[in-house]
C-alpha atoms as a PDB file:
ATOM      1  CA  MET A   1     116.602  31.558  88.396  1.00  0.00           C
ATOM      2  CA  ARG A   2     115.745  33.414  85.268  1.00  0.00           C
ATOM      3  CA  GLN A   3     114.157  36.807  85.806  1.00  0.00           C
ATOM      4  CA  ILE A   4     111.316  37.513  83.472  1.00  0.00           C
ATOM      5  CA  ALA A   5     110.573  41.183  82.753  1.00  0.00           C
ATOM      6  CA  VAL A   6     106.928  41.925  82.340  1.00  0.00           C
ATOM      7  CA  ASN A   7     105.881  45.151  80.629  1.00  0.00           C
ATOM      8  CA  THR A   8     102.725  46.554  82.049  1.00  0.00           C
ATOM      9  CA  THR A   9     100.767  49.377  80.566  1.00  0.00           C
ATOM     10  CA  ILE A  10      98.747  51.616  82.805  1.00  0.00           C
ATOM     11  CA  VAL A  11      95.609  52.807  81.168  1.00  0.00           C
ATOM     12  CA  VAL A  12      94.327  56.031  82.619  1.00  0.00           C
ATOM     13  CA  ASN A  13      90.732  56.966  82.159  1.00  0.00           C
ATOM     14  CA  ALA A  14      90.377  60.464  80.679  1.00  0.00           C
ATOM     15  CA  ALA A  15      88.036  61.310  83.550  1.00  0.00           C
ATOM     16  CA  HIS A  16      90.972  60.810  85.943  1.00  0.00           C
ATOM     17  CA  GLN A  17      93.476  63.008  84.137  1.00  0.00           C
ATOM     18  CA  CYS A  18      94.402  66.593  84.932  1.00  0.00           C
ATOM     19  CA  ARG A  19      92.798  68.839  82.337  1.00  0.00           C
ATOM     20  CA  ASN A  20      95.757  71.193  82.483  1.00  0.00           C
ATOM     21  CA  CYS A  21      98.764  68.855  82.103  1.00  0.00           C
ATOM     22  CA  ASP A  22      97.161  65.403  81.476  1.00  0.00           C
ATOM     23  CA  SER A  23      98.841  63.852  84.522  1.00  0.00           C
ATOM     24  CA  ALA A  24      97.177  60.809  86.059  1.00  0.00           C
ATOM     25  CA  LEU A  25      94.905  61.487  89.037  1.00  0.00           C
ATOM     26  CA  ALA A  26      93.592  59.248  91.779  1.00  0.00           C
ATOM     27  CA  GLN A  27      89.855  58.763  92.097  1.00  0.00           C
ATOM     28  CA  GLU A  28      89.360  61.257  94.944  1.00  0.00           C
ATOM     29  CA  GLN A  29      92.362  63.522  94.259  1.00  0.00           C
ATOM     30  CA  ARG A  30      91.431  67.211  94.605  1.00  0.00           C
ATOM     31  CA  PHE A  31      94.629  68.811  93.251  1.00  0.00           C
ATOM     32  CA  CYS A  32      97.060  67.725  90.552  1.00  0.00           C
ATOM     33  CA  GLY A  33     100.396  66.680  92.034  1.00  0.00           C
ATOM     34  CA  HIS A  34     102.249  67.850  88.918  1.00  0.00           C
ATOM     35  CA  CYS A  35     100.886  71.339  88.161  1.00  0.00           C
ATOM     36  CA  GLY A  36      98.751  72.067  91.239  1.00  0.00           C
ATOM     37  CA  GLN A  37      95.507  72.725  89.376  1.00  0.00           C
ATOM     38  CA  ARG A  38      92.305  71.897  91.241  1.00  0.00           C
ATOM     39  CA  THR A  39      90.211  69.055  89.900  1.00  0.00           C
ATOM     40  CA  GLY A  40      86.476  69.446  89.647  1.00  0.00           C
ATOM     41  CA  ARG A  41      83.524  70.057  87.398  1.00  0.00           C
ATOM     42  CA  ASP A  42      83.768  70.302  83.635  1.00  0.00           C
ATOM     43  CA  ARG A  43      81.860  73.572  83.341  1.00  0.00           C
ATOM     44  CA  LEU A  44      83.063  76.843  84.850  1.00  0.00           C
ATOM     45  CA  THR A  45      80.615  78.463  87.269  1.00  0.00           C
ATOM     46  CA  MET A  46      80.433  81.771  89.131  1.00  0.00           C
ATOM     47  CA  HIS A  47      81.230  79.833  92.287  1.00  0.00           C
ATOM     48  CA  ASP A  48      84.524  78.734  90.726  1.00  0.00           C
ATOM     49  CA  ILE A  49      85.388  82.296  89.722  1.00  0.00           C
ATOM     50  CA  ALA A  50      84.536  83.679  93.176  1.00  0.00           C
ATOM     51  CA  ARG A  51      86.579  80.930  94.870  1.00  0.00           C
ATOM     52  CA  ASP A  52      89.605  81.571  92.656  1.00  0.00           C
ATOM     53  CA  PHE A  53      89.342  85.328  93.247  1.00  0.00           C
ATOM     54  CA  LEU A  54      89.198  84.942  97.032  1.00  0.00           C
ATOM     55  CA  HIS A  55      91.992  82.379  96.871  1.00  0.00           C
ATOM     56  CA  ALA A  56      94.219  84.835  94.992  1.00  0.00           C
ATOM     57  CA  LEU A  57      93.546  87.543  97.570  1.00  0.00           C
ATOM     58  CA  THR A  58      93.735  85.567 100.783  1.00  0.00           C
ATOM     59  CA  HIS A  59      95.745  82.378 100.211  1.00  0.00           C
ATOM     60  CA  ALA A  60      98.508  82.073 102.775  1.00  0.00           C
ATOM     61  CA  ASP A  61     101.200  81.359 100.176  1.00  0.00           C
ATOM     62  CA  HIS A  62     100.827  84.633  98.283  1.00  0.00           C
ATOM     63  CA  SER A  63      98.051  86.683  99.858  1.00  0.00           C
ATOM     64  CA  ILE A  64      97.895  90.275  98.657  1.00  0.00           C
ATOM     65  CA  PHE A  65      96.736  91.288 102.146  1.00  0.00           C
ATOM     66  CA  GLY A  66      99.693  89.482 103.669  1.00  0.00           C
ATOM     67  CA  LEU A  67     101.952  91.229 101.165  1.00  0.00           C
ATOM     68  CA  VAL A  68     100.601  94.659 102.096  1.00  0.00           C
ATOM     69  CA  LYS A  69     101.185  93.938 105.786  1.00  0.00           C
ATOM     70  CA  ALA A  70     104.735  92.788 105.083  1.00  0.00           C
ATOM     71  CA  LEU A  71     105.467  95.789 102.856  1.00  0.00           C
ATOM     72  CA  ALA A  72     104.363  98.135 105.638  1.00  0.00           C
ATOM     73  CA  TRP A  73     107.141  96.949 107.963  1.00  0.00           C
ATOM     74  CA  ARG A  74     109.750  95.050 105.954  1.00  0.00           C
ATOM     75  CA  PRO A  75     109.554  96.049 102.273  1.00  0.00           C
ATOM     76  CA  GLY A  76     113.223  95.493 101.553  1.00  0.00           C
ATOM     77  CA  HIS A  77     113.177  92.015 103.088  1.00  0.00           C
ATOM     78  CA  VAL A  78     110.151  91.068 100.962  1.00  0.00           C
ATOM     79  CA  ALA A  79     111.916  92.169  97.771  1.00  0.00           C
ATOM     80  CA  ARG A  80     115.120  90.422  98.834  1.00  0.00           C
ATOM     81  CA  GLU A  81     113.304  87.161  99.533  1.00  0.00           C
ATOM     82  CA  TYR A  82     111.645  87.362  96.128  1.00  0.00           C
ATOM     83  CA  ILE A  83     114.888  87.782  94.160  1.00  0.00           C
ATOM     84  CA  GLU A  84     116.538  85.048  96.237  1.00  0.00           C
ATOM     85  CA  GLY A  85     113.955  82.520  95.084  1.00  0.00           C
ATOM     86  CA  LYS A  86     111.059  82.642  97.574  1.00  0.00           C
ATOM     87  CA  ARG A  87     108.603  83.575  94.817  1.00  0.00           C
ATOM     88  CA  LYS A  88     105.780  81.273  95.838  1.00  0.00           C
ATOM     89  CA  LYS A  89     105.665  82.993  99.219  1.00  0.00           C
ATOM     90  CA  HIS A  90     104.805  86.490  97.940  1.00  0.00           C
ATOM     91  CA  PHE A  91     102.332  88.035  95.540  1.00  0.00           C
ATOM     92  CA  GLY A  92     104.278  89.020  92.402  1.00  0.00           C
ATOM     93  CA  PRO A  93     105.750  92.557  92.306  1.00  0.00           C
ATOM     94  CA  LEU A  94     104.544  93.532  88.828  1.00  0.00           C
ATOM     95  CA  ALA A  95     101.050  92.119  89.417  1.00  0.00           C
ATOM     96  CA  PHE A  96     100.902  94.078  92.676  1.00  0.00           C
ATOM     97  CA  LEU A  97     102.078  97.223  90.898  1.00  0.00           C
ATOM     98  CA  LEU A  98      99.453  96.843  88.150  1.00  0.00           C
ATOM     99  CA  ILE A  99      96.676  96.461  90.723  1.00  0.00           C
ATOM    100  CA  THR A 100      97.766  99.497  92.742  1.00  0.00           C
ATOM    101  CA  VAL A 101      98.265 101.664  89.638  1.00  0.00           C
ATOM    102  CA  GLY A 102      94.733 100.851  88.544  1.00  0.00           C
ATOM    103  CA  LEU A 103      93.340 101.515  92.020  1.00  0.00           C
ATOM    104  CA  ALA A 104      95.230 104.802  92.403  1.00  0.00           C
ATOM    105  CA  SER A 105      94.204 106.021  88.938  1.00  0.00           C
ATOM    106  CA  PHE A 106      90.563 105.157  89.662  1.00  0.00           C
ATOM    107  CA  MET A 107      90.569 106.932  93.037  1.00  0.00           C
ATOM    108  CA  VAL A 108      92.278 110.041  91.639  1.00  0.00           C
ATOM    109  CA  ILE A 109      89.744 110.361  88.821  1.00  0.00           C
ATOM    110  CA  LEU A 110      86.798 109.515  91.097  1.00  0.00           C
ATOM    111  CA  ALA A 111      87.763 112.125  93.692  1.00  0.00           C
ATOM    112  CA  GLY A 112      88.705 114.715  91.076  1.00  0.00           C
ATOM    113  CA  ALA A 113      92.145 115.187  92.647  1.00  0.00           C
ATOM    114  CA  ASN A 114      94.001 117.301  90.102  1.00  0.00           C
ATOM    115  CA  PHE A 115      97.750 116.747  90.206  1.00  0.00           C
ATOM    116  CA  PHE A 116      98.432 118.966  87.185  1.00  0.00           C
ATOM    117  CA  THR A 117      97.026 122.342  88.204  1.00  0.00           C
ATOM    118  CA  PRO A 118     100.419 124.056  87.597  1.00  0.00           C
ATOM    119  CA  VAL A 119     100.138 123.195  83.875  1.00  0.00           C
ATOM    120  CA  PRO A 120      98.843 126.403  82.204  1.00  0.00           C
ATOM    121  CA  ASP A 121      97.260 124.713  79.195  1.00  0.00           C
ATOM    122  CA  ASN A 122      93.948 123.111  80.144  1.00  0.00           C
ATOM    123  CA  ALA A 123      94.060 120.645  77.251  1.00  0.00           C
ATOM    124  CA  ILE A 124      97.471 119.358  78.317  1.00  0.00           C
ATOM    125  CA  ALA A 125      96.466 119.260  81.985  1.00  0.00           C
ATOM    126  CA  ASN A 126      93.340 117.265  81.159  1.00  0.00           C
ATOM    127  CA  PHE A 127      95.341 114.854  79.011  1.00  0.00           C
ATOM    128  CA  LEU A 128      97.872 114.261  81.787  1.00  0.00           C
ATOM    129  CA  GLN A 129      95.086 113.823  84.348  1.00  0.00           C
ATOM    130  CA  GLN A 130      93.305 111.269  82.172  1.00  0.00           C
ATOM    131  CA  HIS A 131      96.537 109.336  81.625  1.00  0.00           C
ATOM    132  CA  ILE A 132      97.897 109.622  85.157  1.00  0.00           C
ATOM    133  CA  ASN A 133      98.480 105.862  85.186  1.00  0.00           C
ATOM    134  CA  LEU A 134     101.137 106.323  82.486  1.00  0.00           C
ATOM    135  CA  ILE A 135     102.753 109.123  84.494  1.00  0.00           C
ATOM    136  CA  ILE A 136     102.887 106.813  87.509  1.00  0.00           C
ATOM    137  CA  PHE A 137     104.380 103.991  85.453  1.00  0.00           C
ATOM    138  CA  LEU A 138     107.061 106.302  84.047  1.00  0.00           C
ATOM    139  CA  GLN A 139     108.685 106.731  87.453  1.00  0.00           C
ATOM    140  CA  VAL A 140     109.114 103.005  88.143  1.00  0.00           C
ATOM    141  CA  PRO A 141     111.698 102.081  85.454  1.00  0.00           C
ATOM    142  CA  LEU A 142     113.445 105.415  86.019  1.00  0.00           C
ATOM    143  CA  LEU A 143     113.876 104.792  89.743  1.00  0.00           C
ATOM    144  CA  ALA A 144     115.042 101.228  89.087  1.00  0.00           C
ATOM    145  CA  GLY A 145     117.641 102.558  86.660  1.00  0.00           C
ATOM    146  CA  VAL A 146     118.914 105.153  89.125  1.00  0.00           C
ATOM    147  CA  CYS A 147     119.119 102.504  91.858  1.00  0.00           C
ATOM    148  CA  ALA A 148     121.093 100.233  89.526  1.00  0.00           C
ATOM    149  CA  LEU A 149     123.531 103.114  89.053  1.00  0.00           C
ATOM    150  CA  PHE A 150     123.788 104.193  92.702  1.00  0.00           C
ATOM    151  CA  PHE A 151     123.895 100.656  94.145  1.00  0.00           C
ATOM    152  CA  TRP A 152     126.085  99.075  91.482  1.00  0.00           C
ATOM    153  CA  THR A 153     128.314  97.518  94.164  1.00  0.00           C
ATOM    154  CA  SER A 154     125.412  95.267  95.206  1.00  0.00           C
ATOM    155  CA  ARG A 155     126.030  93.191  92.037  1.00  0.00           C
ATOM    156  CA  LEU A 156     122.325  93.046  91.240  1.00  0.00           C
ATOM    157  CA  ASN A 157     120.915  93.264  87.728  1.00  0.00           C
ATOM    158  CA  TYR A 158     118.248  95.699  86.553  1.00  0.00           C
ATOM    159  CA  ALA A 159     115.394  93.217  87.002  1.00  0.00           C
ATOM    160  CA  GLU A 160     116.354  92.693  90.658  1.00  0.00           C
ATOM    161  CA  HIS A 161     116.402  96.425  91.323  1.00  0.00           C
ATOM    162  CA  LEU A 162     113.034  96.610  89.573  1.00  0.00           C
ATOM    163  CA  VAL A 163     111.530  94.139  92.068  1.00  0.00           C
ATOM    164  CA  LEU A 164     112.327  96.501  94.967  1.00  0.00           C
ATOM    165  CA  VAL A 165     110.986  99.522  93.099  1.00  0.00           C
ATOM    166  CA  ALA A 166     107.806  97.720  91.986  1.00  0.00           C
ATOM    167  CA  TYR A 167     106.967  96.574  95.514  1.00  0.00           C
ATOM    168  CA  THR A 168     107.696  99.925  97.169  1.00  0.00           C
ATOM    169  CA  SER A 169     106.023 101.957  94.415  1.00  0.00           C
ATOM    170  CA  GLY A 170     102.968  99.723  94.645  1.00  0.00           C
ATOM    171  CA  PHE A 171     102.739 100.335  98.385  1.00  0.00           C
ATOM    172  CA  ARG A 172     103.219 104.057  97.761  1.00  0.00           C
ATOM    173  CA  LEU A 173     100.298 104.041  95.321  1.00  0.00           C
ATOM    174  CA  LEU A 174      98.157 102.085  97.778  1.00  0.00           C
ATOM    175  CA  PHE A 175      98.889 104.756 100.396  1.00  0.00           C
ATOM    176  CA  LEU A 176      98.000 107.441  97.850  1.00  0.00           C
ATOM    177  CA  ALA A 177      94.725 105.769  96.848  1.00  0.00           C
ATOM    178  CA  LEU A 178      93.402 104.771 100.267  1.00  0.00           C
ATOM    179  CA  ILE A 179      94.736 107.537 102.523  1.00  0.00           C
ATOM    180  CA  CYS A 180      95.959 110.609 100.631  1.00  0.00           C
ATOM    181  CA  VAL A 181      93.200 110.942  98.030  1.00  0.00           C
ATOM    182  CA  PRO A 182      90.362 110.680 100.614  1.00  0.00           C
ATOM    183  CA  ILE A 183      92.134 113.311 102.735  1.00  0.00           C
ATOM    184  CA  PHE A 184      92.466 115.595  99.701  1.00  0.00           C
ATOM    185  CA  TYR A 185      88.778 115.117  98.923  1.00  0.00           C
ATOM    186  CA  PHE A 186      87.210 115.528 102.368  1.00  0.00           C
ATOM    187  CA  ALA A 187      89.609 118.229 103.579  1.00  0.00           C
ATOM    188  CA  ASP A 188      89.341 120.081 100.248  1.00  0.00           C
ATOM    189  CA  LEU A 189      93.112 120.153  99.816  1.00  0.00           C
ATOM    190  CA  THR A 190      95.079 120.612  96.617  1.00  0.00           C
ATOM    191  CA  PRO A 191      97.375 117.632  95.920  1.00  0.00           C
ATOM    192  CA  ILE A 192     100.084 119.911  94.543  1.00  0.00           C
ATOM    193  CA  SER A 193     100.621 122.636  97.113  1.00  0.00           C
ATOM    194  CA  ARG A 194     103.408 123.932  99.327  1.00  0.00           C
ATOM    195  CA  THR A 195     102.140 121.764 102.175  1.00  0.00           C
ATOM    196  CA  THR A 196     100.804 118.513 100.761  1.00  0.00           C
ATOM    197  CA  ALA A 197     103.423 117.857  98.071  1.00  0.00           C
ATOM    198  CA  PRO A 198     106.509 118.125 100.364  1.00  0.00           C
ATOM    199  CA  VAL A 199     104.866 116.000 103.078  1.00  0.00           C
ATOM    200  CA  TYR A 200     103.901 113.303 100.591  1.00  0.00           C
ATOM    201  CA  LEU A 201     107.360 113.306  99.010  1.00  0.00           C
ATOM    202  CA  ALA A 202     109.089 113.204 102.418  1.00  0.00           C
ATOM    203  CA  LEU A 203     107.027 110.211 103.548  1.00  0.00           C
ATOM    204  CA  TRP A 204     107.851 108.399 100.303  1.00  0.00           C
ATOM    205  CA  LEU A 205     111.591 109.093 100.588  1.00  0.00           C
ATOM    206  CA  ILE A 206     111.699 107.882 104.202  1.00  0.00           C
ATOM    207  CA  TYR A 207     109.826 104.709 103.308  1.00  0.00           C
ATOM    208  CA  PHE A 208     112.024 104.006 100.296  1.00  0.00           C
ATOM    209  CA  ALA A 209     115.171 104.638 102.334  1.00  0.00           C
ATOM    210  CA  VAL A 210     114.051 102.068 104.926  1.00  0.00           C
ATOM    211  CA  ALA A 211     113.322  99.586 102.133  1.00  0.00           C
ATOM    212  CA  ALA A 212     116.737 100.227 100.537  1.00  0.00           C
ATOM    213  CA  VAL A 213     118.570  99.648 103.818  1.00  0.00           C
ATOM    214  CA  GLN A 214     116.781  96.301 104.227  1.00  0.00           C
ATOM    215  CA  PHE A 215     117.261  95.316 100.587  1.00  0.00           C
ATOM    216  CA  TYR A 216     120.848  96.312  99.832  1.00  0.00           C
ATOM    217  CA  ARG A 217     122.250  95.473 103.282  1.00  0.00           C
ATOM    218  CA  GLY A 218     125.074  97.960 103.030  1.00  0.00           C
ATOM    219  CA  ARG A 219     126.268 100.665 105.380  1.00  0.00           C
ATOM    220  CA  LEU A 220     123.252 102.322 106.940  1.00  0.00           C
ATOM    221  CA  PHE A 221     124.146 105.987 106.380  1.00  0.00           C
ATOM    222  CA  TRP A 222     125.218 105.680 102.764  1.00  0.00           C
ATOM    223  CA  SER A 223     122.308 103.419 101.888  1.00  0.00           C
ATOM    224  CA  VAL A 224     119.891 106.035 103.228  1.00  0.00           C
ATOM    225  CA  VAL A 225     121.642 108.863 101.385  1.00  0.00           C
ATOM    226  CA  ARG A 226     121.779 107.021  98.070  1.00  0.00           C
ATOM    227  CA  ALA A 227     118.144 105.892  98.348  1.00  0.00           C
ATOM    228  CA  MET A 228     116.881 109.403  99.048  1.00  0.00           C
ATOM    229  CA  VAL A 229     118.967 110.931  96.275  1.00  0.00           C
ATOM    230  CA  ALA A 230     117.734 108.217  93.902  1.00  0.00           C
ATOM    231  CA  GLY A 231     114.126 108.983  94.844  1.00  0.00           C
ATOM    232  CA  VAL A 232     114.515 112.723  94.305  1.00  0.00           C
ATOM    233  CA  LEU A 233     116.504 112.298  91.078  1.00  0.00           C
ATOM    234  CA  SER A 234     113.940 109.941  89.552  1.00  0.00           C
ATOM    235  CA  GLN A 235     111.182 112.434  90.392  1.00  0.00           C
ATOM    236  CA  LEU A 236     113.139 115.243  88.734  1.00  0.00           C
ATOM    237  CA  ILE A 237     113.842 113.149  85.630  1.00  0.00           C
ATOM    238  CA  ALA A 238     110.159 112.219  85.340  1.00  0.00           C
ATOM    239  CA  MET A 239     109.140 115.878  85.684  1.00  0.00           C
ATOM    240  CA  THR A 240     111.743 116.873  83.089  1.00  0.00           C
ATOM    241  CA  VAL A 241     110.392 114.305  80.629  1.00  0.00           C
ATOM    242  CA  ILE A 242     106.835 115.557  81.196  1.00  0.00           C
ATOM    243  CA  VAL A 243     107.837 119.206  80.761  1.00  0.00           C
ATOM    244  CA  PHE A 244     109.780 118.357  77.603  1.00  0.00           C
ATOM    245  CA  CYS A 245     106.761 116.526  76.149  1.00  0.00           C
ATOM    246  CA  ILE A 246     104.567 119.531  76.983  1.00  0.00           C
ATOM    247  CA  TRP A 247     107.051 121.859  75.281  1.00  0.00           C
ATOM    248  CA  VAL A 248     107.149 119.675  72.149  1.00  0.00           C
ATOM    249  CA  TYR A 249     103.355 119.545  72.064  1.00  0.00           C
ATOM    250  CA  ALA A 250     103.126 123.329  72.423  1.00  0.00           C
ATOM    251  CA  GLN A 251     105.605 123.857  69.589  1.00  0.00           C
ATOM    252  CA  PHE A 252     103.477 121.832  67.180  1.00  0.00           C
ATOM    253  CA  ALA A 253     100.079 122.946  68.517  1.00  0.00           C
ATOM    254  CA  TYR A 254     100.709 126.697  68.452  1.00  0.00           C
ATOM    255  CA  SER A 255     103.171 127.029  65.577  1.00  0.00           C
END
C-alpha cells in the first residue's frame, strides 16, 4: 500500500500563546511548559506584583528564607551544590549579597552606628560612612581572590570561589544588620572598640572556616587554618586600601 504523507498546519490562536516565548498553550494551562512563565491577565496589577514578590521570597525552589536557614548550618554545602549545578534549588549568591548589602547599609545608617570613628578627618569619616556599602563590597572580591590563592589545589576557578564568599559574606551582613547593629544601638556600644570588633571578627572567622571545610572538602586542620588566614588577610588588604585612599585624599586636600 502506498503511504500518503499529509502535511498539517497547526494554527495557534494568539490568545493561547505564551507572551514571553510565544510557545503554544492549552486552553486552561497556567504555566508555560517552555519558559515557565505564568499565564494570566493582559494588564499588570498590584496583586501580580505582590504575588511575584512573595513567590520570590518563599517559593520552595529558591526561597530566600530557606537559603538563610541553610546558610546558618551548612553554608559550604550550599555553595558547593550551586557550583555543581543545583542552581534552581538556591537563591542566587550575588542577588543574596546585593540584598544583604542594602539591608546592612540601611540599618547602619538608620541606627547611626559609626564604623569609622578612628578616622581623624570628619569629612573622610562621613564619606566612608555614607558609602559603607562600597566598603563592604570591596572585601568580597578580595576574599575570593585570597581563597583562590590559598585553595588552588581545589581546582576551582575564581567565579566558583566567589560563590562561597558571596553566600558567606551575605550571611555575615545579615547577622550584622539584624543582630549586631540593634545591639550596638540599644546597648550604646561603639562598633569599633577593643571588645566589639574582636568578637565580631572572631565570629566571622569561625563561620567562614566552617563554610570552607564544607566547601573545599580537604583536610580539616589545614582548611580551617587557610580559611582563617584568608579572612584576616582580606580584612588587612581592605583596610590598607582604605588607608591608602585616605592618604591620597589628604595629600591633595591639604597640599
